[in-house]
Amino acid sequence: MGLVMALLLVIAAAPARAEADWRLERESDGISVWTRSVEGSKHRAMRARMVVDTSIMELVALIRDTRACSEWAEFCAASHVHESMSEVEAYIYTRNDLPWPVADRDALSHVRWTADASSGAVRMDAVATTGRLAPQPGAVRLTEAVTSWSFTPTEAGVLVESEAHVDPAGPIPAWITNRLLVDAPLKTMGKLRDLAATGRYADIVVGFVPKASM
């Protein structure tokens, strides 16, 4: 089993693990950020949560709009669909502009969407790939990165959760690591919420989102 697939299985199994495994790092403006250790890795995993008053349809449409990545995802400089296999599966390229003196990081991720028709929940999983795209000038390629987004309807609104476990592919100063694990998720969640509230995606219909989510 490859390391990336092993990491994906670890992240996917997170709900079954005791919540005590996660350490609350910060809470601000209705957003909480947690981290935990991952067996076999020197890098911690991250989880961010919030509840928003919008539809899952709009949130999914926003995440799928790769051109808007730089508007809400902290450090995202550019993103585009490299290859689309279906409405629920694609290879997405993303380049992240990290603070000096750290070089940019980029990744080509295999993205899959799943939906639960009974609960209305929708989930996206992304795993960094290797060997499908040549290195890009000025960027260090991430090859071991697992991220996910999930949107679950609740009485209070949509529970938005994001999880990630990333090997930064080289040494990074501790202060930047802290920004990536805590500050960046806080800012990303906040900007995601603000962009969703603009109504930009209100009229977009995504076919695989269950009616129970609308």
C-alpha atoms as a PDB file:
ATOM      1  CA  MET A   1       0.000   0.000   0.000  1.00  0.00           C
ATOM      2  CA  GLY A   2       1.436   3.407  -0.973  1.00  0.00           C
ATOM      3  CA  LEU A   3       1.968   6.090   1.645  1.00  0.00           C
ATOM      4  CA  VAL A   4      -0.599   8.439   0.116  1.00  0.00           C
ATOM      5  CA  MET A   5      -3.298   5.762   0.130  1.00  0.00           C
ATOM      6  CA  ALA A   6      -2.396   4.871   3.700  1.00  0.00           C
ATOM      7  CA  LEU A   7      -2.788   8.504   4.714  1.00  0.00           C
ATOM      8  CA  LEU A   8      -6.158   8.654   2.974  1.00  0.00           C
ATOM      9  CA  LEU A   9      -7.326   5.650   4.960  1.00  0.00           C
ATOM     10  CA  VAL A  10      -6.136   7.278   8.178  1.00  0.00           C
ATOM     11  CA  ILE A  11      -8.040  10.490   7.446  1.00  0.00           C
ATOM     12  CA  ALA A  12     -11.148   8.606   6.306  1.00  0.00           C
ATOM     13  CA  ALA A  13     -11.132   6.639   9.544  1.00  0.00           C
ATOM     14  CA  ALA A  14     -10.986   9.795  11.681  1.00  0.00           C
ATOM     15  CA  PRO A  15     -14.694   9.783  12.670  1.00  0.00           C
ATOM     16  CA  ALA A  16     -14.223   6.349  14.220  1.00  0.00           C
ATOM     17  CA  ARG A  17     -11.382   7.593  16.385  1.00  0.00           C
ATOM     18  CA  ALA A  18     -11.979   9.179  19.776  1.00  0.00           C
ATOM     19  CA  GLU A  19     -12.575  12.905  19.595  1.00  0.00           C
ATOM     20  CA  ALA A  20      -9.887  13.173  22.267  1.00  0.00           C
ATOM     21  CA  ASP A  21      -7.341  12.487  19.521  1.00  0.00           C
ATOM     22  CA  TRP A  22      -8.009  15.979  18.227  1.00  0.00           C
ATOM     23  CA  ARG A  23      -6.546  18.992  20.065  1.00  0.00           C
ATOM     24  CA  LEU A  24      -8.414  22.279  19.844  1.00  0.00           C
ATOM     25  CA  GLU A  25      -5.973  24.928  18.638  1.00  0.00           C
ATOM     26  CA  ARG A  26      -8.188  27.970  18.215  1.00  0.00           C
ATOM     27  CA  GLU A  27     -11.785  29.171  18.077  1.00  0.00           C
ATOM     28  CA  SER A  28     -12.771  32.449  16.428  1.00  0.00           C
ATOM     29  CA  ASP A  29     -15.960  33.868  14.945  1.00  0.00           C
ATOM     30  CA  GLY A  30     -17.772  30.534  14.975  1.00  0.00           C
ATOM     31  CA  ILE A  31     -14.850  28.632  13.447  1.00  0.00           C
ATOM     32  CA  SER A  32     -12.805  26.014  15.301  1.00  0.00           C
ATOM     33  CA  VAL A  33      -9.479  24.518  14.221  1.00  0.00           C
ATOM     34  CA  TRP A  34      -8.141  21.242  15.580  1.00  0.00           C
ATOM     35  CA  THR A  35      -4.952  19.224  15.007  1.00  0.00           C
ATOM     36  CA  ARG A  36      -3.831  15.712  15.826  1.00  0.00           C
ATOM     37  CA  SER A  37      -0.833  13.489  15.303  1.00  0.00           C
ATOM     38  CA  VAL A  38      -0.856  10.901  12.529  1.00  0.00           C
ATOM     39  CA  GLU A  39       0.815   7.556  13.081  1.00  0.00           C
ATOM     40  CA  GLY A  40       3.944   7.207  10.976  1.00  0.00           C
ATOM     41  CA  SER A  41       4.150  10.898  10.098  1.00  0.00           C
ATOM     42  CA  LYS A  42       5.979  13.830  11.691  1.00  0.00           C
ATOM     43  CA  HIS A  43       3.318  16.191  10.351  1.00  0.00           C
ATOM     44  CA  ARG A  44       0.029  16.853  12.140  1.00  0.00           C
ATOM     45  CA  ALA A  45      -3.405  16.603  10.542  1.00  0.00           C
ATOM     46  CA  MET A  46      -5.803  19.564  10.610  1.00  0.00           C
ATOM     47  CA  ARG A  47      -9.564  19.799  11.001  1.00  0.00           C
ATOM     48  CA  ALA A  48     -11.637  22.982  10.726  1.00  0.00           C
ATOM     49  CA  ARG A  49     -15.365  23.308  11.454  1.00  0.00           C
ATOM     50  CA  MET A  50     -18.129  25.886  11.229  1.00  0.00           C
ATOM     51  CA  VAL A  51     -21.885  26.102  10.682  1.00  0.00           C
ATOM     52  CA  VAL A  52     -23.151  28.380   7.917  1.00  0.00           C
ATOM     53  CA  ASP A  53     -26.579  29.650   6.935  1.00  0.00           C
ATOM     54  CA  THR A  54     -26.535  28.736   3.253  1.00  0.00           C
ATOM     55  CA  SER A  55     -27.313  25.739   1.049  1.00  0.00           C
ATOM     56  CA  ILE A  56     -25.087  22.762   0.405  1.00  0.00           C
ATOM     57  CA  MET A  57     -25.717  23.296  -3.307  1.00  0.00           C
ATOM     58  CA  GLU A  58     -24.099  26.736  -3.147  1.00  0.00           C
ATOM     59  CA  LEU A  59     -21.154  25.484  -1.093  1.00  0.00           C
ATOM     60  CA  VAL A  60     -20.479  22.623  -3.502  1.00  0.00           C
ATOM     61  CA  ALA A  61     -20.734  24.978  -6.488  1.00  0.00           C
ATOM     62  CA  LEU A  62     -18.259  27.330  -4.812  1.00  0.00           C
ATOM     63  CA  ILE A  63     -15.703  24.606  -4.097  1.00  0.00           C
ATOM     64  CA  ARG A  64     -16.032  23.311  -7.660  1.00  0.00           C
ATOM     65  CA  ASP A  65     -15.334  26.794  -9.082  1.00  0.00           C
ATOM     66  CA  THR A  66     -11.563  26.388  -9.344  1.00  0.00           C
ATOM     67  CA  ARG A  67     -11.151  29.883 -10.791  1.00  0.00           C
ATOM     68  CA  ALA A  68     -12.342  31.362  -7.496  1.00  0.00           C
ATOM     69  CA  CYS A  69      -9.765  29.473  -5.401  1.00  0.00           C
ATOM     70  CA  SER A  70      -7.598  32.551  -4.828  1.00  0.00           C
ATOM     71  CA  GLU A  71     -10.612  34.469  -3.492  1.00  0.00           C
ATOM     72  CA  TRP A  72     -11.176  32.237  -0.480  1.00  0.00           C
ATOM     73  CA  ALA A  73      -8.479  29.559  -0.013  1.00  0.00           C
ATOM     74  CA  GLU A  74      -5.552  31.012   1.927  1.00  0.00           C
ATOM     75  CA  PHE A  75      -2.288  30.918  -0.075  1.00  0.00           C
ATOM     76  CA  CYS A  76      -4.031  29.665  -3.247  1.00  0.00           C
ATOM     77  CA  ALA A  77      -2.512  31.502  -6.201  1.00  0.00           C
ATOM     78  CA  ALA A  78      -4.240  29.588  -8.994  1.00  0.00           C
ATOM     79  CA  SER A  79      -6.251  26.458  -9.653  1.00  0.00           C
ATOM     80  CA  HIS A  80      -7.777  24.775 -12.682  1.00  0.00           C
ATOM     81  CA  VAL A  81      -9.267  21.498 -13.863  1.00  0.00           C
ATOM     82  CA  HIS A  82      -6.455  19.504 -15.451  1.00  0.00           C
ATOM     83  CA  GLU A  83      -8.686  16.604 -16.514  1.00  0.00           C
ATOM     84  CA  SER A  84     -12.363  15.902 -15.917  1.00  0.00           C
ATOM     85  CA  MET A  85     -13.655  12.330 -16.028  1.00  0.00           C
ATOM     86  CA  SER A  86     -17.187  13.021 -14.807  1.00  0.00           C
ATOM     87  CA  GLU A  87     -19.212  15.435 -12.718  1.00  0.00           C
ATOM     88  CA  VAL A  88     -17.903  13.733  -9.580  1.00  0.00           C
ATOM     89  CA  GLU A  89     -14.296  12.943 -10.554  1.00  0.00           C
ATOM     90  CA  ALA A  90     -11.457  15.091 -11.857  1.00  0.00           C
ATOM     91  CA  TYR A  91      -7.785  15.946 -11.578  1.00  0.00           C
ATOM     92  CA  ILE A  92      -7.355  19.453 -10.191  1.00  0.00           C
ATOM     93  CA  TYR A  93      -4.134  21.488 -10.312  1.00  0.00           C
ATOM     94  CA  THR A  94      -3.503  23.980  -7.521  1.00  0.00           C
ATOM     95  CA  ARG A  95      -0.557  26.291  -6.883  1.00  0.00           C
ATOM     96  CA  ASN A  96       0.008  27.826  -3.457  1.00  0.00           C
ATOM     97  CA  ASP A  97       1.989  31.033  -2.942  1.00  0.00           C
ATOM     98  CA  LEU A  98       3.725  30.517   0.420  1.00  0.00           C
ATOM     99  CA  PRO A  99       5.395  33.329   2.403  1.00  0.00           C
ATOM    100  CA  TRP A 100       9.021  34.149   1.647  1.00  0.00           C
ATOM    101  CA  PRO A 101      11.516  32.484   1.947  1.00  0.00           C
ATOM    102  CA  VAL A 102       9.554  29.263   1.282  1.00  0.00           C
ATOM    103  CA  ALA A 103       9.116  28.226  -2.348  1.00  0.00           C
ATOM    104  CA  ASP A 104       5.634  27.855  -3.825  1.00  0.00           C
ATOM    105  CA  ARG A 105       3.996  24.459  -3.513  1.00  0.00           C
ATOM    106  CA  ASP A 106       1.753  22.899  -6.141  1.00  0.00           C
ATOM    107  CA  ALA A 107      -0.207  19.676  -6.483  1.00  0.00           C
ATOM    108  CA  LEU A 108      -2.240  17.707  -8.967  1.00  0.00           C
ATOM    109  CA  SER A 109      -4.995  16.108  -6.908  1.00  0.00           C
ATOM    110  CA  HIS A 110      -7.383  13.310  -7.756  1.00  0.00           C
ATOM    111  CA  VAL A 111     -10.736  14.679  -6.597  1.00  0.00           C
ATOM    112  CA  ARG A 112     -13.869  12.615  -5.968  1.00  0.00           C
ATOM    113  CA  TRP A 113     -17.298  13.718  -4.753  1.00  0.00           C
ATOM    114  CA  THR A 114     -19.769  11.484  -2.936  1.00  0.00           C
ATOM    115  CA  ALA A 115     -23.295  12.156  -1.684  1.00  0.00           C
ATOM    116  CA  ASP A 116     -25.692  10.503   0.750  1.00  0.00           C
ATOM    117  CA  ALA A 117     -29.218  10.734  -0.635  1.00  0.00           C
ATOM    118  CA  SER A 118     -30.832   9.877   2.708  1.00  0.00           C
ATOM    119  CA  SER A 119     -29.077  12.484   4.857  1.00  0.00           C
ATOM    120  CA  GLY A 120     -28.312  15.039   2.153  1.00  0.00           C
ATOM    121  CA  ALA A 121     -24.630  15.143   3.134  1.00  0.00           C
ATOM    122  CA  VAL A 122     -21.980  15.726   0.460  1.00  0.00           C
ATOM    123  CA  ARG A 123     -18.249  15.022   0.700  1.00  0.00           C
ATOM    124  CA  MET A 124     -15.188  15.752  -1.415  1.00  0.00           C
ATOM    125  CA  ASP A 125     -11.913  13.818  -1.083  1.00  0.00           C
ATOM    126  CA  ALA A 126      -8.692  14.837  -2.789  1.00  0.00           C
ATOM    127  CA  VAL A 127      -5.398  12.932  -2.938  1.00  0.00           C
ATOM    128  CA  ALA A 128      -2.192  14.278  -4.459  1.00  0.00           C
ATOM    129  CA  THR A 129      -0.938  12.270  -7.429  1.00  0.00           C
ATOM    130  CA  THR A 130       2.440  11.605  -9.001  1.00  0.00           C
ATOM    131  CA  GLY A 131       3.636  11.051 -12.556  1.00  0.00           C
ATOM    132  CA  ARG A 132       0.702  12.728 -14.318  1.00  0.00           C
ATOM    133  CA  LEU A 133       2.021  16.268 -14.692  1.00  0.00           C
ATOM    134  CA  ALA A 134       5.528  17.578 -15.296  1.00  0.00           C
ATOM    135  CA  PRO A 135       7.095  19.820 -12.626  1.00  0.00           C
ATOM    136  CA  GLN A 136       6.191  23.491 -12.964  1.00  0.00           C
ATOM    137  CA  PRO A 137       8.840  26.244 -12.785  1.00  0.00           C
ATOM    138  CA  GLY A 138       9.306  27.787  -9.370  1.00  0.00           C
ATOM    139  CA  ALA A 139       7.133  25.303  -7.461  1.00  0.00           C
ATOM    140  CA  VAL A 140       7.809  22.260  -5.290  1.00  0.00           C
ATOM    141  CA  ARG A 141       5.388  19.444  -6.098  1.00  0.00           C
ATOM    142  CA  LEU A 142       3.359  18.015  -3.214  1.00  0.00           C
ATOM    143  CA  THR A 143       3.073  14.253  -3.607  1.00  0.00           C
ATOM    144  CA  GLU A 144       1.747  13.269  -0.173  1.00  0.00           C
ATOM    145  CA  ALA A 145      -1.328  15.345   0.575  1.00  0.00           C
ATOM    146  CA  VAL A 146      -4.841  14.307   1.527  1.00  0.00           C
ATOM    147  CA  THR A 147      -7.681  16.797   1.963  1.00  0.00           C
ATOM    148  CA  SER A 148     -11.430  16.595   2.348  1.00  0.00           C
ATOM    149  CA  TRP A 149     -14.505  18.807   2.585  1.00  0.00           C
ATOM    150  CA  SER A 150     -17.842  17.688   3.957  1.00  0.00           C
ATOM    151  CA  PHE A 151     -21.194  19.456   4.111  1.00  0.00           C
ATOM    152  CA  THR A 152     -23.863  18.071   6.425  1.00  0.00           C
ATOM    153  CA  PRO A 153     -27.356  19.552   6.900  1.00  0.00           C
ATOM    154  CA  THR A 154     -28.306  20.250  10.533  1.00  0.00           C
ATOM    155  CA  GLU A 155     -31.096  22.146  12.255  1.00  0.00           C
ATOM    156  CA  ALA A 156     -28.681  25.031  12.877  1.00  0.00           C
ATOM    157  CA  GLY A 157     -27.477  25.217   9.268  1.00  0.00           C
ATOM    158  CA  VAL A 158     -24.864  23.419   7.186  1.00  0.00           C
ATOM    159  CA  LEU A 159     -22.007  21.893   9.159  1.00  0.00           C
ATOM    160  CA  VAL A 160     -18.872  22.524   7.112  1.00  0.00           C
ATOM    161  CA  GLU A 161     -15.815  20.429   7.922  1.00  0.00           C
ATOM    162  CA  SER A 162     -12.411  20.419   6.270  1.00  0.00           C
ATOM    163  CA  GLU A 163      -9.585  18.016   7.036  1.00  0.00           C
ATOM    164  CA  ALA A 164      -6.061  17.829   5.667  1.00  0.00           C
ATOM    165  CA  HIS A 165      -2.822  15.977   6.186  1.00  0.00           C
ATOM    166  CA  VAL A 166       0.073  17.244   4.077  1.00  0.00           C
ATOM    167  CA  ASP A 167       3.768  16.508   3.824  1.00  0.00           C
ATOM    168  CA  PRO A 168       5.197  19.905   2.757  1.00  0.00           C
ATOM    169  CA  ALA A 169       7.936  18.229   0.676  1.00  0.00           C
ATOM    170  CA  GLY A 170      10.853  19.889   2.376  1.00  0.00           C
ATOM    171  CA  PRO A 171      11.820  21.892   5.452  1.00  0.00           C
ATOM    172  CA  ILE A 172       9.509  24.763   6.398  1.00  0.00           C
ATOM    173  CA  PRO A 173      10.093  27.203   9.295  1.00  0.00           C
ATOM    174  CA  ALA A 174       7.977  26.473  12.362  1.00  0.00           C
ATOM    175  CA  TRP A 175       6.170  29.810  12.172  1.00  0.00           C
ATOM    176  CA  ILE A 176       4.969  29.039   8.646  1.00  0.00           C
ATOM    177  CA  THR A 177       3.918  25.523   9.664  1.00  0.00           C
ATOM    178  CA  ASN A 178       1.775  27.068  12.407  1.00  0.00           C
ATOM    179  CA  ARG A 179       0.191  29.430   9.883  1.00  0.00           C
ATOM    180  CA  LEU A 180      -0.586  26.524   7.576  1.00  0.00           C
ATOM    181  CA  LEU A 181      -2.134  24.411  10.340  1.00  0.00           C
ATOM    182  CA  VAL A 182      -4.093  27.069  12.254  1.00  0.00           C
ATOM    183  CA  ASP A 183      -4.182  30.559  10.722  1.00  0.00           C
ATOM    184  CA  ALA A 184      -4.782  29.428   7.139  1.00  0.00           C
ATOM    185  CA  PRO A 185      -7.796  27.212   7.950  1.00  0.00           C
ATOM    186  CA  LEU A 186      -9.366  30.007  10.012  1.00  0.00           C
ATOM    187  CA  LYS A 187      -8.983  32.508   7.187  1.00  0.00           C
ATOM    188  CA  THR A 188     -10.059  29.989   4.548  1.00  0.00           C
ATOM    189  CA  MET A 189     -13.258  29.104   6.395  1.00  0.00           C
ATOM    190  CA  GLY A 190     -14.093  32.753   7.007  1.00  0.00           C
ATOM    191  CA  LYS A 191     -13.589  33.761   3.375  1.00  0.00           C
ATOM    192  CA  LEU A 192     -15.516  30.701   2.177  1.00  0.00           C
ATOM    193  CA  ARG A 193     -18.461  31.729   4.362  1.00  0.00           C
ATOM    194  CA  ASP A 194     -18.299  35.323   3.141  1.00  0.00           C
ATOM    195  CA  LEU A 195     -18.161  34.341  -0.527  1.00  0.00           C
ATOM    196  CA  ALA A 196     -21.057  31.910  -0.148  1.00  0.00           C
ATOM    197  CA  ALA A 197     -23.109  34.705   1.433  1.00  0.00           C
ATOM    198  CA  THR A 198     -22.758  36.917  -1.649  1.00  0.00           C
ATOM    199  CA  GLY A 199     -25.263  34.796  -3.588  1.00  0.00           C
ATOM    200  CA  ARG A 200     -22.878  34.304  -6.513  1.00  0.00           C
ATOM    201  CA  TYR A 201     -23.670  30.575  -6.613  1.00  0.00           C
ATOM    202  CA  ALA A 202     -27.371  30.753  -5.737  1.00  0.00           C
ATOM    203  CA  ASP A 203     -28.567  29.852  -9.234  1.00  0.00           C
ATOM    204  CA  ILE A 204     -26.096  27.050  -9.944  1.00  0.00           C
ATOM    205  CA  VAL A 205     -27.403  23.478  -9.911  1.00  0.00           C
ATOM    206  CA  VAL A 206     -24.980  20.613  -9.274  1.00  0.00           C
ATOM    207  CA  GLY A 207     -26.544  17.354 -10.422  1.00  0.00           C
ATOM    208  CA  PHE A 208     -25.133  15.018  -7.764  1.00  0.00           C
ATOM    209  CA  VAL A 209     -26.227  17.106  -4.750  1.00  0.00           C
ATOM    210  CA  PRO A 210     -29.197  15.270  -3.147  1.00  0.00           C
ATOM    211  CA  LYS A 211     -32.569  16.989  -2.981  1.00  0.00           C
ATOM    212  CA  ALA A 212     -32.434  16.530   0.794  1.00  0.00           C
ATOM    213  CA  SER A 213     -29.592  19.087   0.830  1.00  0.00           C
ATOM    214  CA  MET A 214     -31.549  21.825  -0.917  1.00  0.00           C
END
